[in-house]
Protein backbone atom coordinates (compact mmCIF):
# COMPACT_ATOMS: atom_id res chain seq x y z
CA MET A 1 122.29 38.84 113.48
CA SER A 2 123.16 39.54 116.99
CA LYS A 3 126.88 38.88 118.01
CA LYS A 4 127.64 36.84 120.24
CA LYS A 5 129.75 36.24 123.52
CA SER A 6 132.41 33.37 123.63
CA PHE A 7 133.63 31.93 127.10
CA VAL A 8 135.23 28.84 128.20
CA LEU A 9 133.07 26.40 129.71
CA ARG A 10 134.40 23.41 131.61
CA LEU A 11 132.63 20.26 131.39
CA THR A 12 133.16 16.53 132.77
CA PRO A 13 133.99 14.18 129.71
CA GLU A 14 130.74 12.60 131.02
CA MET A 15 128.61 15.48 131.05
CA TYR A 16 129.90 16.07 127.36
CA GLU A 17 129.13 12.83 125.90
CA GLN A 18 125.48 13.45 127.64
CA LEU A 19 124.98 16.71 125.93
CA GLU A 20 126.20 15.59 122.54
CA LYS A 21 124.12 12.61 122.76
CA TRP A 22 120.91 14.77 123.68
CA ALA A 23 121.36 17.22 121.02
CA ALA A 24 121.90 14.69 118.47
CA ASP A 25 118.36 13.41 119.19
CA GLU A 26 117.30 16.65 119.41
CA PHE A 27 119.00 17.52 116.14
CA ARG A 28 121.05 20.39 116.99
CA SER A 29 124.47 21.15 117.31
CA THR A 30 126.35 20.20 121.18
CA ASN A 31 127.02 24.46 120.74
CA GLY A 32 123.07 24.52 120.08
CA GLN A 33 121.83 22.25 122.73
CA ILE A 34 123.67 24.32 125.60
CA GLU A 35 122.01 27.56 124.16
CA TRP A 36 118.61 25.92 124.33
CA ILE A 37 118.95 24.77 127.70
CA LEU A 38 120.28 27.94 129.17
CA ASP A 39 117.47 29.51 127.63
CA ASN A 40 115.00 27.82 128.72
CA ALA A 41 116.27 28.25 132.30
CA LEU A 42 116.16 31.75 131.80
CA LYS A 43 112.87 31.75 130.82
CA LYS A 44 111.30 29.54 133.66
CA ALA A 45 113.11 31.73 136.22
CA GLY A 46 111.73 34.86 135.36
CA ARG A 47 115.23 36.22 134.32
CA LYS A 48 114.66 36.60 130.11
CA LYS A 49 113.70 39.62 129.18
CA LYS A 50 110.47 39.36 126.89
CA ASN A 51 110.48 40.24 123.01
CA THR A 52 108.23 43.78 122.71
CA ASN A 53 109.46 44.36 119.31
CA PRO A 54 107.96 42.24 116.17
CA SER A 55 111.26 42.29 114.88
CA GLY A 56 112.69 39.79 117.22
CA SER A 57 115.10 41.97 119.05
CA GLU A 58 114.89 42.38 122.62
CA THR A 59 114.57 45.93 124.30
């Protein structure tokens, strides 16, 4: 399993509630939803490395 970096993220209560609802609608945790949103944004911006290794690890 890959290591994950922890950090503080400050959100307004309203934004957190909206993310919480969106996550519940898609059967994810709020943290998982934020990771999913960021992952998609990185892919769309062309900033995420593509997996070239069949094991799924990035190179």
